[in-house]
Each structure stands twice: as C-alpha cells, then as structure tokens.
Amino acid sequence: MVHYGHSNQLRQAKAMGDYLIAGVHTDAEISKHKGPPVFTQEERYKMVRAIKWVDEIVEGAPYVTTLETLDKHNCDFCVHGDDITLTVDGKDTYEEVKRAGRYRECRRTQGVSTTDLVGRMLLMTKAHHSNIDNPDYQQHTDNFGKGPKGHSPWTGVSQFLQTSQKIIQFASGKEPQPGDTIIYVAGAFDLFHIGHVDFLEMVYKQAERPYVIVGLHFDQEVNRYKGKNYPIMNIHERTLSVLACRYVSEVVIGAPYAVGKDLLDHFKEPKRRGIFRAIDSGNNLTTDDIVQRIIENRLQFEARNQKKEAKEMAVIECRILLLSLGEAVC
C-alpha cells in the first residue's frame, strides 16, 4: 500500500537533497520478495507522483538497489527508513550502496504500516477510531503482524503519535493569494487511494490558480454514514494522507457533514449560491474495493507477514552472534 508513512519517508528524503527521485517496484517484484501488493503498479506509479515532495519517479525500479541504478539516474545517494528490507533470499537490498557510502537513512514513521492497516480491515475493529490503546485491538493486530515466534521490531504495529508537529511538517503553510480560486471539497478520504488522487487532480484543474481545501469528517461522523468499522484510518492519519497530496493546499479537520453558511440538504447552500460543482474523477475505485482486495488475499497477506518476520529475526540473530564474537555484523 501507499500510506502516509511512505509520504513521511519521502518528505525526510527530500530534505536531505535538492531533487527527489522515487523508485517504484513492479507487481512481479513485490510479489516475489514480499507478497501480493494491495495497489497495482500503475496505481502506485500515479499515487507516488501525486506526493508533493516527489520530483520524478522511476517505474519498475529493481527491488535490489545497486550503484548502477544510482548512476543511471544521476543520484548521489539513496535513502531508506531505519527498518530492514530483505530479498526473498534474506539479503539486504541496500548492501552494495551501503558499502560504497551512498546510503542514507531516515526515521520510520511509528504507528503505521501496511501490516497494521490490513489488520484493521480484516479484524473489523473500531478501536483505532479514537483510542488504539485498546488492549484487545493491540493483541489482535500483533497476532496478525507477527508469526508465532515473532519479536522483530520492524514487523507488527505500534501507536501513531498524534502530534501537531507532524501536521505542521506535512502542511504547505501557504495562505491563499489574491487571484487564487478557493475550492472546497469534503469527505472521509479513508485509505487514501488512486480514486482520491484522480478526484483531487480533477478538482485542481478546475481553475488556473487553484487553492484546494479538503474538509475531513471526524471518525464518528464517517462511521455514521459508512457503517461497519469505517473509517479504517482515524482522523489524524487521514489528515496526513491528504496533506501529502500535491493537489491539496489546506485541510479542515473535523469538517461538518452539511456545508452551511458559516463554513461557506448536504451542499444545499453552495448549490443555492451557484458555486457547487460535481466532479467526475473518471475512476470508480472506492475504499470498499480496497478492503475487498485485502479480504480476497487474506491468507497470502498473513503468510507474507510471517515470512517477513522470520527473515528479519534471522538477520537480528546473526548480528547478535557476530557482535558477541567481536566481528563485523552481517
């Protein structure tokens, strides 16, 4: 999946240099080394392009990053999170560039992972809406993320730290300028996906100088009209997901469901003023569709996480052994 944890990694990477190129793997590469991807490669290409810190993407980037890859795209170095990434054979995918001194590391975003989000969809819990300290939720998601003997620090879930600093880091900080066309849209924007990207891109194209404000409904409001255990991502997580999109200028957290005179039938006032437009994104993908993909591949996702856990534990045990012997770590 593409989520705000990836966006935060790209934000940190961009801060280390001047021009950011993001390599995106093919479905075949991901299936071989990790398991079935949630989004297709074409969806991921477009989603990563829409992240505001990305200047360029490389479609079909190799899973193992080599010096040849860096040189081909005129890159001085590459950046990855402080978790480990391994091939299907258990080898470090950045080993070559690390040895050459062309590797940099950024902090992994705590409390978000594909494992956690998949777990929420499969377990149908609501604990994540306002209090993910719930012990039952933590136990269920830990069981989903880890194998029977798993203790890897890189697989599993942890609580997302809801801080204003993180929102500030993601926000553009730009005020609307004279001549800008201010456009307001609202919704859940849950599990931010390519359907949302296509919609926001179409909204952005409605004006020559657009200033797009996205209103996000609180978790309880989304659950009222969506039902089940929606939203899958809580209001804080959805805020960061939307703010990372290059077509968005500002987010209203906890926007009302009905747009009345104070904020500017649902959309009755904008329609009365003649300033309401219905935008067809041309993409019918919904959050329900994403959840259905997960459900259909449940066993594969669970097997993927347990295999990933086992490989990570093998690396950790190897490092501990070599450190105890006073040798270089593997």
C-alpha atoms as a PDB file:
ATOM      1  CA  MET A   1       0.000   0.000   0.000  1.00  0.00           C
ATOM      2  CA  VAL A   2       0.922   3.660  -0.293  1.00  0.00           C
ATOM      3  CA  HIS A   3       0.230   5.403   3.031  1.00  0.00           C
ATOM      4  CA  TYR A   4       1.347   8.478   4.975  1.00  0.00           C
ATOM      5  CA  GLY A   5       4.311   6.553   6.407  1.00  0.00           C
ATOM      6  CA  HIS A   6       5.726   6.372   2.889  1.00  0.00           C
ATOM      7  CA  SER A   7       4.938  10.065   2.381  1.00  0.00           C
ATOM      8  CA  ASN A   8       6.812  10.933   5.563  1.00  0.00           C
ATOM      9  CA  GLN A   9       9.829   8.946   4.379  1.00  0.00           C
ATOM     10  CA  LEU A  10       9.773  10.839   1.084  1.00  0.00           C
ATOM     11  CA  ARG A  11       9.471  14.141   2.964  1.00  0.00           C
ATOM     12  CA  GLN A  12      12.560  13.316   5.024  1.00  0.00           C
ATOM     13  CA  ALA A  13      14.447  12.131   1.946  1.00  0.00           C
ATOM     14  CA  LYS A  14      13.689  15.360   0.057  1.00  0.00           C
ATOM     15  CA  ALA A  15      15.094  17.358   2.984  1.00  0.00           C
ATOM     16  CA  MET A  16      18.452  15.578   2.533  1.00  0.00           C
ATOM     17  CA  GLY A  17      18.918  16.823  -1.021  1.00  0.00           C
ATOM     18  CA  ASP A  18      17.550  19.011  -3.796  1.00  0.00           C
ATOM     19  CA  TYR A  19      15.818  16.675  -6.246  1.00  0.00           C
ATOM     20  CA  LEU A  20      13.944  13.543  -5.219  1.00  0.00           C
ATOM     21  CA  ILE A  21      13.545  10.529  -7.497  1.00  0.00           C
ATOM     22  CA  ALA A  22      11.328   7.747  -6.132  1.00  0.00           C
ATOM     23  CA  GLY A  23      11.755   4.232  -7.486  1.00  0.00           C
ATOM     24  CA  VAL A  24       8.559   2.169  -7.582  1.00  0.00           C
ATOM     25  CA  HIS A  25       8.698  -1.618  -7.946  1.00  0.00           C
ATOM     26  CA  THR A  26       6.567  -3.702 -10.296  1.00  0.00           C
ATOM     27  CA  ASP A  27       3.848  -6.051  -9.090  1.00  0.00           C
ATOM     28  CA  ALA A  28       6.053  -9.009 -10.044  1.00  0.00           C
ATOM     29  CA  GLU A  29       8.991  -7.793  -7.931  1.00  0.00           C
ATOM     30  CA  ILE A  30       6.819  -7.133  -4.889  1.00  0.00           C
ATOM     31  CA  SER A  31       5.029 -10.474  -5.207  1.00  0.00           C
ATOM     32  CA  LYS A  32       8.370 -12.271  -5.415  1.00  0.00           C
ATOM     33  CA  HIS A  33      10.015 -10.640  -2.401  1.00  0.00           C
ATOM     34  CA  LYS A  34       7.136  -9.566  -0.132  1.00  0.00           C
ATOM     35  CA  GLY A  35       3.777 -10.931  -1.229  1.00  0.00           C
ATOM     36  CA  PRO A  36       0.759  -9.652  -3.177  1.00  0.00           C
ATOM     37  CA  PRO A  37       0.599  -5.840  -3.462  1.00  0.00           C
ATOM     38  CA  VAL A  38      -2.645  -4.117  -2.453  1.00  0.00           C
ATOM     39  CA  PHE A  39      -2.417  -1.494  -5.204  1.00  0.00           C
ATOM     40  CA  THR A  40      -1.404  -2.330  -8.775  1.00  0.00           C
ATOM     41  CA  GLN A  41       1.861  -0.939 -10.114  1.00  0.00           C
ATOM     42  CA  GLU A  42       0.008   1.576 -12.300  1.00  0.00           C
ATOM     43  CA  GLU A  43      -1.943   2.779  -9.253  1.00  0.00           C
ATOM     44  CA  ARG A  44       1.260   3.068  -7.235  1.00  0.00           C
ATOM     45  CA  TYR A  45       3.051   4.979 -10.000  1.00  0.00           C
ATOM     46  CA  LYS A  46       0.321   7.599 -10.056  1.00  0.00           C
ATOM     47  CA  MET A  47      -0.031   7.762  -6.275  1.00  0.00           C
ATOM     48  CA  VAL A  48       3.682   8.335  -5.710  1.00  0.00           C
ATOM     49  CA  ARG A  49       3.734  11.007  -8.439  1.00  0.00           C
ATOM     50  CA  ALA A  50       0.978  12.794  -6.520  1.00  0.00           C
ATOM     51  CA  ILE A  51       3.062  13.061  -3.325  1.00  0.00           C
ATOM     52  CA  LYS A  52       4.202  16.668  -3.145  1.00  0.00           C
ATOM     53  CA  TRP A  53       7.848  16.010  -2.243  1.00  0.00           C
ATOM     54  CA  VAL A  54       8.487  13.775  -5.266  1.00  0.00           C
ATOM     55  CA  ASP A  55      10.091  15.378  -8.335  1.00  0.00           C
ATOM     56  CA  GLU A  56      10.277  12.272 -10.519  1.00  0.00           C
ATOM     57  CA  ILE A  57       9.576   8.550 -10.339  1.00  0.00           C
ATOM     58  CA  VAL A  58      11.284   5.534 -11.865  1.00  0.00           C
ATOM     59  CA  GLU A  59       8.721   2.971 -12.971  1.00  0.00           C
ATOM     60  CA  GLY A  60       9.733  -0.651 -12.485  1.00  0.00           C
ATOM     61  CA  ALA A  61      12.699   0.112 -10.226  1.00  0.00           C
ATOM     62  CA  PRO A  62      14.667  -3.043  -9.272  1.00  0.00           C
ATOM     63  CA  TYR A  63      13.998  -4.429  -5.794  1.00  0.00           C
ATOM     64  CA  VAL A  64      17.736  -4.505  -5.047  1.00  0.00           C
ATOM     65  CA  THR A  65      19.269  -1.026  -5.255  1.00  0.00           C
ATOM     66  CA  THR A  66      22.706  -1.066  -6.889  1.00  0.00           C
ATOM     67  CA  LEU A  67      25.362   1.511  -7.740  1.00  0.00           C
ATOM     68  CA  GLU A  68      24.425   1.017 -11.377  1.00  0.00           C
ATOM     69  CA  THR A  69      20.871   2.128 -10.610  1.00  0.00           C
ATOM     70  CA  LEU A  70      22.066   5.254  -8.786  1.00  0.00           C
ATOM     71  CA  ASP A  71      24.476   6.178 -11.569  1.00  0.00           C
ATOM     72  CA  LYS A  72      21.881   5.576 -14.272  1.00  0.00           C
ATOM     73  CA  HIS A  73      19.608   8.205 -12.735  1.00  0.00           C
ATOM     74  CA  ASN A  74      22.433  10.583 -11.677  1.00  0.00           C
ATOM     75  CA  CYS A  75      21.740  10.105  -7.967  1.00  0.00           C
ATOM     76  CA  ASP A  76      24.359  10.959  -5.340  1.00  0.00           C
ATOM     77  CA  PHE A  77      22.848   8.613  -2.757  1.00  0.00           C
ATOM     78  CA  CYS A  78      19.685   6.705  -1.863  1.00  0.00           C
ATOM     79  CA  VAL A  79      17.508   6.923   1.245  1.00  0.00           C
ATOM     80  CA  HIS A  80      15.539   4.272   3.130  1.00  0.00           C
ATOM     81  CA  GLY A  81      13.852   4.006   6.502  1.00  0.00           C
ATOM     82  CA  ASP A  82      15.621   2.660   9.587  1.00  0.00           C
ATOM     83  CA  ASP A  83      13.915  -0.731   9.250  1.00  0.00           C
ATOM     84  CA  ILE A  84      15.497  -3.547   7.293  1.00  0.00           C
ATOM     85  CA  THR A  85      14.396  -4.632   3.819  1.00  0.00           C
ATOM     86  CA  LEU A  86      15.327  -8.089   2.583  1.00  0.00           C
ATOM     87  CA  THR A  87      15.098 -10.064  -0.634  1.00  0.00           C
ATOM     88  CA  VAL A  88      13.288 -13.387  -0.836  1.00  0.00           C
ATOM     89  CA  ASP A  89      16.696 -14.963  -0.081  1.00  0.00           C
ATOM     90  CA  GLY A  90      17.102 -12.902   3.100  1.00  0.00           C
ATOM     91  CA  LYS A  91      19.749 -10.497   1.749  1.00  0.00           C
ATOM     92  CA  ASP A  92      19.898  -6.764   2.499  1.00  0.00           C
ATOM     93  CA  THR A  93      18.618  -4.965  -0.605  1.00  0.00           C
ATOM     94  CA  TYR A  94      20.912  -1.981   0.074  1.00  0.00           C
ATOM     95  CA  GLU A  95      24.110  -3.905   0.851  1.00  0.00           C
ATOM     96  CA  GLU A  96      26.045  -2.663  -2.210  1.00  0.00           C
ATOM     97  CA  VAL A  97      25.231   1.030  -1.815  1.00  0.00           C
ATOM     98  CA  LYS A  98      25.877   0.885   1.937  1.00  0.00           C
ATOM     99  CA  ARG A  99      29.388  -0.434   1.339  1.00  0.00           C
ATOM    100  CA  ALA A 100      30.011   2.352  -1.171  1.00  0.00           C
ATOM    101  CA  GLY A 101      28.921   5.039   1.302  1.00  0.00           C
ATOM    102  CA  ARG A 102      25.989   6.117  -0.852  1.00  0.00           C
ATOM    103  CA  TYR A 103      23.221   5.199   1.544  1.00  0.00           C
ATOM    104  CA  ARG A 104      21.319   7.479   3.935  1.00  0.00           C
ATOM    105  CA  GLU A 105      18.710   6.579   6.497  1.00  0.00           C
ATOM    106  CA  CYS A 106      15.597   8.350   7.739  1.00  0.00           C
ATOM    107  CA  ARG A 107      13.335   7.551  10.656  1.00  0.00           C
ATOM    108  CA  ARG A 108      10.470   5.165  10.037  1.00  0.00           C
ATOM    109  CA  THR A 109       7.071   6.626  10.915  1.00  0.00           C
ATOM    110  CA  GLN A 110       5.948   4.981  14.129  1.00  0.00           C
ATOM    111  CA  GLY A 111       2.485   3.509  14.310  1.00  0.00           C
ATOM    112  CA  VAL A 112       1.682   2.957  10.652  1.00  0.00           C
ATOM    113  CA  SER A 113       2.414   0.044   8.386  1.00  0.00           C
ATOM    114  CA  THR A 114       0.688  -1.932   5.683  1.00  0.00           C
ATOM    115  CA  THR A 115       0.509  -4.748   8.247  1.00  0.00           C
ATOM    116  CA  ASP A 116      -1.482  -2.614  10.671  1.00  0.00           C
ATOM    117  CA  LEU A 117      -3.880  -1.246   8.062  1.00  0.00           C
ATOM    118  CA  VAL A 118      -4.508  -4.701   6.608  1.00  0.00           C
ATOM    119  CA  GLY A 119      -5.142  -5.986  10.125  1.00  0.00           C
ATOM    120  CA  ARG A 120      -7.758  -3.309  10.769  1.00  0.00           C
ATOM    121  CA  MET A 121      -9.593  -4.248   7.581  1.00  0.00           C
ATOM    122  CA  LEU A 122      -9.601  -7.965   8.326  1.00  0.00           C
ATOM    123  CA  LEU A 123     -10.394  -7.737  12.036  1.00  0.00           C
ATOM    124  CA  MET A 124     -13.244  -5.234  11.540  1.00  0.00           C
ATOM    125  CA  THR A 125     -12.402  -3.467  14.814  1.00  0.00           C
ATOM    126  CA  LYS A 126     -13.303   0.133  15.686  1.00  0.00           C
ATOM    127  CA  ALA A 127     -10.689   0.640  18.387  1.00  0.00           C
ATOM    128  CA  HIS A 128      -8.450   2.654  16.062  1.00  0.00           C
ATOM    129  CA  HIS A 129     -11.075   5.398  15.651  1.00  0.00           C
ATOM    130  CA  SER A 130     -10.304   7.238  18.842  1.00  0.00           C
ATOM    131  CA  ASN A 131      -8.260   5.000  21.132  1.00  0.00           C
ATOM    132  CA  ILE A 132      -5.838   2.473  19.723  1.00  0.00           C
ATOM    133  CA  ASP A 133      -4.501   1.759  23.206  1.00  0.00           C
ATOM    134  CA  ASN A 134      -7.308  -0.780  23.441  1.00  0.00           C
ATOM    135  CA  PRO A 135      -5.554  -3.995  24.592  1.00  0.00           C
ATOM    136  CA  ASP A 136      -7.792  -6.298  22.542  1.00  0.00           C
ATOM    137  CA  TYR A 137      -7.054  -4.326  19.382  1.00  0.00           C
ATOM    138  CA  GLN A 138      -3.311  -4.353  20.099  1.00  0.00           C
ATOM    139  CA  GLN A 139      -3.313  -8.105  20.736  1.00  0.00           C
ATOM    140  CA  HIS A 140      -5.278  -8.896  17.575  1.00  0.00           C
ATOM    141  CA  THR A 141      -3.100  -6.733  15.341  1.00  0.00           C
ATOM    142  CA  ASP A 142       0.088  -8.060  16.925  1.00  0.00           C
ATOM    143  CA  ASN A 143      -1.087 -11.584  16.181  1.00  0.00           C
ATOM    144  CA  PHE A 144      -1.813 -10.642  12.578  1.00  0.00           C
ATOM    145  CA  GLY A 145       1.502  -8.881  12.074  1.00  0.00           C
ATOM    146  CA  LYS A 146       3.758 -11.464  13.657  1.00  0.00           C
ATOM    147  CA  GLY A 147       4.353 -15.152  13.404  1.00  0.00           C
ATOM    148  CA  PRO A 148       4.021 -17.470  16.396  1.00  0.00           C
ATOM    149  CA  LYS A 149       7.601 -16.749  17.498  1.00  0.00           C
ATOM    150  CA  GLY A 150       7.869 -13.214  16.137  1.00  0.00           C
ATOM    151  CA  HIS A 151       9.576 -10.430  18.023  1.00  0.00           C
ATOM    152  CA  SER A 152      11.000  -8.384  15.173  1.00  0.00           C
ATOM    153  CA  PRO A 153      10.937  -4.615  15.824  1.00  0.00           C
ATOM    154  CA  TRP A 154      10.159  -3.971  12.147  1.00  0.00           C
ATOM    155  CA  THR A 155       7.041  -6.098  11.691  1.00  0.00           C
ATOM    156  CA  GLY A 156       3.860  -5.557  13.663  1.00  0.00           C
ATOM    157  CA  VAL A 157       2.133  -2.409  14.809  1.00  0.00           C
ATOM    158  CA  SER A 158       2.562   0.455  17.236  1.00  0.00           C
ATOM    159  CA  GLN A 159       0.535   3.520  18.127  1.00  0.00           C
ATOM    160  CA  PHE A 160       0.746   6.538  15.843  1.00  0.00           C
ATOM    161  CA  LEU A 161       1.865   9.585  17.826  1.00  0.00           C
ATOM    162  CA  GLN A 162      -0.734  12.254  17.107  1.00  0.00           C
ATOM    163  CA  THR A 163       1.351  15.420  17.286  1.00  0.00           C
ATOM    164  CA  SER A 164       0.762  18.895  15.903  1.00  0.00           C
ATOM    165  CA  GLN A 165       4.410  18.943  14.800  1.00  0.00           C
ATOM    166  CA  LYS A 166       3.779  16.112  12.346  1.00  0.00           C
ATOM    167  CA  ILE A 167       0.856  18.004  10.823  1.00  0.00           C
ATOM    168  CA  ILE A 168       2.997  21.147  10.536  1.00  0.00           C
ATOM    169  CA  GLN A 169       5.701  19.153   8.737  1.00  0.00           C
ATOM    170  CA  PHE A 170       3.154  17.910   6.193  1.00  0.00           C
ATOM    171  CA  ALA A 171       1.278  21.197   5.701  1.00  0.00           C
ATOM    172  CA  SER A 172       2.324  23.618   2.971  1.00  0.00           C
ATOM    173  CA  GLY A 173       1.872  26.671   5.188  1.00  0.00           C
ATOM    174  CA  LYS A 174       0.762  28.720   2.176  1.00  0.00           C
ATOM    175  CA  GLU A 175      -2.118  31.166   2.514  1.00  0.00           C
ATOM    176  CA  PRO A 176      -4.446  31.797  -0.440  1.00  0.00           C
ATOM    177  CA  GLN A 177      -3.222  34.718  -2.536  1.00  0.00           C
ATOM    178  CA  PRO A 178      -5.194  37.377  -4.436  1.00  0.00           C
ATOM    179  CA  GLY A 179      -6.350  35.838  -7.691  1.00  0.00           C
ATOM    180  CA  ASP A 180      -6.490  32.290  -6.319  1.00  0.00           C
ATOM    181  CA  THR A 181      -9.687  30.308  -6.786  1.00  0.00           C
ATOM    182  CA  ILE A 182     -10.563  28.698  -3.466  1.00  0.00           C
ATOM    183  CA  ILE A 183     -12.185  25.286  -3.931  1.00  0.00           C
ATOM    184  CA  TYR A 184     -13.701  23.277  -1.075  1.00  0.00           C
ATOM    185  CA  VAL A 185     -14.318  19.524  -1.097  1.00  0.00           C
ATOM    186  CA  ALA A 186     -15.242  17.264   1.804  1.00  0.00           C
ATOM    187  CA  GLY A 187     -15.440  13.598   2.685  1.00  0.00           C
ATOM    188  CA  ALA A 188     -13.784  10.738   4.553  1.00  0.00           C
ATOM    189  CA  PHE A 189     -10.796  10.210   2.227  1.00  0.00           C
ATOM    190  CA  ASP A 190     -10.226   6.918   4.018  1.00  0.00           C
ATOM    191  CA  LEU A 191      -7.338   4.630   2.979  1.00  0.00           C
ATOM    192  CA  PHE A 192      -6.201   7.396   0.609  1.00  0.00           C
ATOM    193  CA  HIS A 193      -6.063   5.736  -2.808  1.00  0.00           C
ATOM    194  CA  ILE A 194      -5.870   6.388  -6.543  1.00  0.00           C
ATOM    195  CA  GLY A 195      -9.598   7.203  -6.726  1.00  0.00           C
ATOM    196  CA  HIS A 196      -8.994  10.091  -4.313  1.00  0.00           C
ATOM    197  CA  VAL A 197      -5.925  11.209  -6.272  1.00  0.00           C
ATOM    198  CA  ASP A 198      -7.835  11.248  -9.566  1.00  0.00           C
ATOM    199  CA  PHE A 199     -10.678  13.216  -7.969  1.00  0.00           C
ATOM    200  CA  LEU A 200      -8.383  15.820  -6.385  1.00  0.00           C
ATOM    201  CA  GLU A 201      -6.429  16.183  -9.621  1.00  0.00           C
ATOM    202  CA  MET A 202      -9.673  16.921 -11.482  1.00  0.00           C
ATOM    203  CA  VAL A 203     -10.662  19.422  -8.786  1.00  0.00           C
ATOM    204  CA  TYR A 204      -7.250  21.092  -9.055  1.00  0.00           C
ATOM    205  CA  LYS A 205      -7.720  21.507 -12.811  1.00  0.00           C
ATOM    206  CA  GLN A 206     -10.969  23.436 -12.344  1.00  0.00           C
ATOM    207  CA  ALA A 207      -9.087  26.728 -12.001  1.00  0.00           C
ATOM    208  CA  GLU A 208      -5.962  28.412 -13.311  1.00  0.00           C
ATOM    209  CA  ARG A 209      -4.746  29.203  -9.786  1.00  0.00           C
ATOM    210  CA  PRO A 210      -6.495  26.705  -7.511  1.00  0.00           C
ATOM    211  CA  TYR A 211      -6.335  26.685  -3.724  1.00  0.00           C
ATOM    212  CA  VAL A 212      -7.922  23.381  -2.726  1.00  0.00           C
ATOM    213  CA  ILE A 213      -9.260  22.959   0.806  1.00  0.00           C
ATOM    214  CA  VAL A 214     -10.258  19.437   1.865  1.00  0.00           C
ATOM    215  CA  GLY A 215     -12.725  19.023   4.710  1.00  0.00           C
ATOM    216  CA  LEU A 216     -12.287  15.774   6.639  1.00  0.00           C
ATOM    217  CA  HIS A 217     -15.154  14.372   8.689  1.00  0.00           C
ATOM    218  CA  PHE A 218     -14.491  13.122  12.215  1.00  0.00           C
ATOM    219  CA  ASP A 219     -14.326   9.347  12.723  1.00  0.00           C
ATOM    220  CA  GLN A 220     -17.733   9.171  14.417  1.00  0.00           C
ATOM    221  CA  GLU A 221     -19.361  11.043  11.524  1.00  0.00           C
ATOM    222  CA  VAL A 222     -17.768   8.758   8.927  1.00  0.00           C
ATOM    223  CA  ASN A 223     -18.899   5.696  10.863  1.00  0.00           C
ATOM    224  CA  ARG A 224     -22.432   7.116  10.985  1.00  0.00           C
ATOM    225  CA  TYR A 225     -22.808   7.229   7.208  1.00  0.00           C
ATOM    226  CA  LYS A 226     -20.400   4.419   6.211  1.00  0.00           C
ATOM    227  CA  GLY A 227     -21.125   1.892   8.959  1.00  0.00           C
ATOM    228  CA  LYS A 228     -19.140  -1.298   9.716  1.00  0.00           C
ATOM    229  CA  ASN A 229     -15.722  -0.375  11.148  1.00  0.00           C
ATOM    230  CA  TYR A 230     -15.140   2.615   8.897  1.00  0.00           C
ATOM    231  CA  PRO A 231     -13.076   4.697   8.771  1.00  0.00           C
ATOM    232  CA  ILE A 232     -10.107   2.322   8.591  1.00  0.00           C
ATOM    233  CA  MET A 233      -7.759   5.252   9.260  1.00  0.00           C
ATOM    234  CA  ASN A 234      -8.520   7.706  12.060  1.00  0.00           C
ATOM    235  CA  ILE A 235      -8.851  11.459  11.569  1.00  0.00           C
ATOM    236  CA  HIS A 236      -5.183  12.164  12.335  1.00  0.00           C
ATOM    237  CA  GLU A 237      -3.967   9.554   9.865  1.00  0.00           C
ATOM    238  CA  ARG A 238      -6.370  10.724   7.175  1.00  0.00           C
ATOM    239  CA  THR A 239      -5.201  14.308   7.683  1.00  0.00           C
ATOM    240  CA  LEU A 240      -1.580  13.413   6.931  1.00  0.00           C
ATOM    241  CA  SER A 241      -2.576  11.268   3.952  1.00  0.00           C
ATOM    242  CA  VAL A 242      -4.460  14.157   2.345  1.00  0.00           C
ATOM    243  CA  LEU A 243      -1.883  16.834   3.227  1.00  0.00           C
ATOM    244  CA  ALA A 244       0.813  14.841   1.422  1.00  0.00           C
ATOM    245  CA  CYS A 245      -1.080  15.191  -1.875  1.00  0.00           C
ATOM    246  CA  ARG A 246       0.327  17.868  -4.188  1.00  0.00           C
ATOM    247  CA  TYR A 247      -3.170  18.981  -5.244  1.00  0.00           C
ATOM    248  CA  VAL A 248      -4.196  19.960  -1.689  1.00  0.00           C
ATOM    249  CA  SER A 249      -3.422  23.324  -0.092  1.00  0.00           C
ATOM    250  CA  GLU A 250      -5.167  23.001   3.258  1.00  0.00           C
ATOM    251  CA  VAL A 251      -7.220  20.586   5.376  1.00  0.00           C
ATOM    252  CA  VAL A 252     -10.165  21.332   7.656  1.00  0.00           C
ATOM    253  CA  ILE A 253     -10.028  18.738  10.441  1.00  0.00           C
ATOM    254  CA  GLY A 254     -13.461  17.701  11.635  1.00  0.00           C
ATOM    255  CA  ALA A 255     -15.431  19.439   8.887  1.00  0.00           C
ATOM    256  CA  PRO A 256     -19.231  19.339   9.224  1.00  0.00           C
ATOM    257  CA  TYR A 257     -21.143  16.887   7.073  1.00  0.00           C
ATOM    258  CA  ALA A 258     -23.544  19.602   5.906  1.00  0.00           C
ATOM    259  CA  VAL A 259     -21.881  22.680   4.406  1.00  0.00           C
ATOM    260  CA  GLY A 260     -23.778  25.653   5.848  1.00  0.00           C
ATOM    261  CA  LYS A 261     -23.459  29.437   5.708  1.00  0.00           C
ATOM    262  CA  ASP A 262     -20.874  29.541   8.496  1.00  0.00           C
ATOM    263  CA  LEU A 263     -18.436  27.366   6.569  1.00  0.00           C
ATOM    264  CA  LEU A 264     -19.292  28.772   3.356  1.00  0.00           C
ATOM    265  CA  ASP A 265     -29.704  19.078   2.283  1.00  0.00           C
ATOM    266  CA  HIS A 266     -25.587  18.372   2.103  1.00  0.00           C
ATOM    267  CA  PHE A 267     -24.164  21.180  -0.145  1.00  0.00           C
ATOM    268  CA  LYS A 268     -27.566  22.972  -0.190  1.00  0.00           C
ATOM    269  CA  GLU A 269     -26.056  26.406   0.490  1.00  0.00           C
ATOM    270  CA  PRO A 270     -23.291  26.150  -2.163  1.00  0.00           C
ATOM    271  CA  LYS A 271     -25.912  24.991  -4.678  1.00  0.00           C
ATOM    272  CA  ARG A 272     -28.153  27.966  -3.816  1.00  0.00           C
ATOM    273  CA  ARG A 273     -25.258  30.328  -4.464  1.00  0.00           C
ATOM    274  CA  GLY A 274     -24.430  28.629  -7.737  1.00  0.00           C
ATOM    275  CA  ILE A 275     -20.892  27.718  -6.655  1.00  0.00           C
ATOM    276  CA  PHE A 276     -21.313  23.949  -6.369  1.00  0.00           C
ATOM    277  CA  ARG A 277     -19.768  21.636  -8.982  1.00  0.00           C
ATOM    278  CA  ALA A 278     -19.963  17.846  -9.177  1.00  0.00           C
ATOM    279  CA  ILE A 279     -16.643  16.447 -10.405  1.00  0.00           C
ATOM    280  CA  ASP A 280     -16.312  13.080 -12.144  1.00  0.00           C
ATOM    281  CA  SER A 281     -12.829  11.741 -11.431  1.00  0.00           C
ATOM    282  CA  GLY A 282     -13.147   9.073 -14.106  1.00  0.00           C
ATOM    283  CA  ASN A 283     -12.097   6.484 -11.517  1.00  0.00           C
ATOM    284  CA  ASN A 284     -14.665   4.256  -9.802  1.00  0.00           C
ATOM    285  CA  LEU A 285     -12.279   2.778  -7.206  1.00  0.00           C
ATOM    286  CA  THR A 286     -13.603   3.067  -3.650  1.00  0.00           C
ATOM    287  CA  THR A 287     -12.325   2.325  -0.157  1.00  0.00           C
ATOM    288  CA  ASP A 288     -14.687  -0.679  -0.146  1.00  0.00           C
ATOM    289  CA  ASP A 289     -12.877  -2.016  -3.220  1.00  0.00           C
ATOM    290  CA  ILE A 290      -9.519  -1.787  -1.418  1.00  0.00           C
ATOM    291  CA  VAL A 291     -10.912  -3.647   1.596  1.00  0.00           C
ATOM    292  CA  GLN A 292     -12.304  -6.335  -0.717  1.00  0.00           C
ATOM    293  CA  ARG A 293      -8.857  -6.837  -2.269  1.00  0.00           C
ATOM    294  CA  ILE A 294      -7.451  -7.427   1.208  1.00  0.00           C
ATOM    295  CA  ILE A 295     -10.171  -9.885   2.185  1.00  0.00           C
ATOM    296  CA  GLU A 296      -9.712 -11.883  -1.020  1.00  0.00           C
ATOM    297  CA  ASN A 297      -5.986 -12.239  -0.331  1.00  0.00           C
ATOM    298  CA  ARG A 298      -6.113 -12.672   3.442  1.00  0.00           C
ATOM    299  CA  LEU A 299      -4.155 -15.927   3.642  1.00  0.00           C
ATOM    300  CA  GLN A 300      -1.435 -14.584   1.349  1.00  0.00           C
ATOM    301  CA  PHE A 301      -1.038 -11.423   3.442  1.00  0.00           C
ATOM    302  CA  GLU A 302      -0.811 -13.397   6.675  1.00  0.00           C
ATOM    303  CA  ALA A 303       1.772 -15.749   5.151  1.00  0.00           C
ATOM    304  CA  ARG A 304       3.732 -12.769   3.818  1.00  0.00           C
ATOM    305  CA  ASN A 305       3.951 -11.143   7.244  1.00  0.00           C
ATOM    306  CA  GLN A 306       5.070 -14.339   8.949  1.00  0.00           C
ATOM    307  CA  LYS A 307       7.773 -14.996   6.309  1.00  0.00           C
ATOM    308  CA  LYS A 308       8.939 -11.389   6.592  1.00  0.00           C
ATOM    309  CA  GLU A 309       9.106 -11.749  10.373  1.00  0.00           C
ATOM    310  CA  ALA A 310      11.187 -14.928  10.130  1.00  0.00           C
ATOM    311  CA  LYS A 311      13.725 -13.319   7.768  1.00  0.00           C
ATOM    312  CA  GLU A 312      14.073 -10.266   9.997  1.00  0.00           C
ATOM    313  CA  MET A 313      14.616 -12.430  13.076  1.00  0.00           C
ATOM    314  CA  ALA A 314      17.336 -14.380  11.251  1.00  0.00           C
ATOM    315  CA  VAL A 315      19.184 -11.130  10.492  1.00  0.00           C
ATOM    316  CA  ILE A 316      18.865  -9.929  14.086  1.00  0.00           C
ATOM    317  CA  GLU A 317      20.159 -13.228  15.472  1.00  0.00           C
ATOM    318  CA  CYS A 318      23.080 -13.132  13.019  1.00  0.00           C
ATOM    319  CA  ARG A 319      24.019  -9.631  14.148  1.00  0.00           C
ATOM    320  CA  ILE A 320      23.812 -10.543  17.815  1.00  0.00           C
ATOM    321  CA  LEU A 321      26.024 -13.583  17.256  1.00  0.00           C
ATOM    322  CA  LEU A 322      28.681 -11.661  15.318  1.00  0.00           C
ATOM    323  CA  LEU A 323      28.684  -8.788  17.796  1.00  0.00           C
ATOM    324  CA  SER A 324      29.243 -11.259  20.619  1.00  0.00           C
ATOM    325  CA  LEU A 325      32.205 -12.635  18.663  1.00  0.00           C
ATOM    326  CA  GLY A 326      33.548  -9.157  18.002  1.00  0.00           C
ATOM    327  CA  GLU A 327      33.146  -9.479  14.229  1.00  0.00           C
ATOM    328  CA  ALA A 328      31.523  -7.214  11.665  1.00  0.00           C
ATOM    329  CA  VAL A 329      27.754  -7.510  11.565  1.00  0.00           C
ATOM    330  CA  CYS A 330      26.024  -9.194   8.629  1.00  0.00           C
END
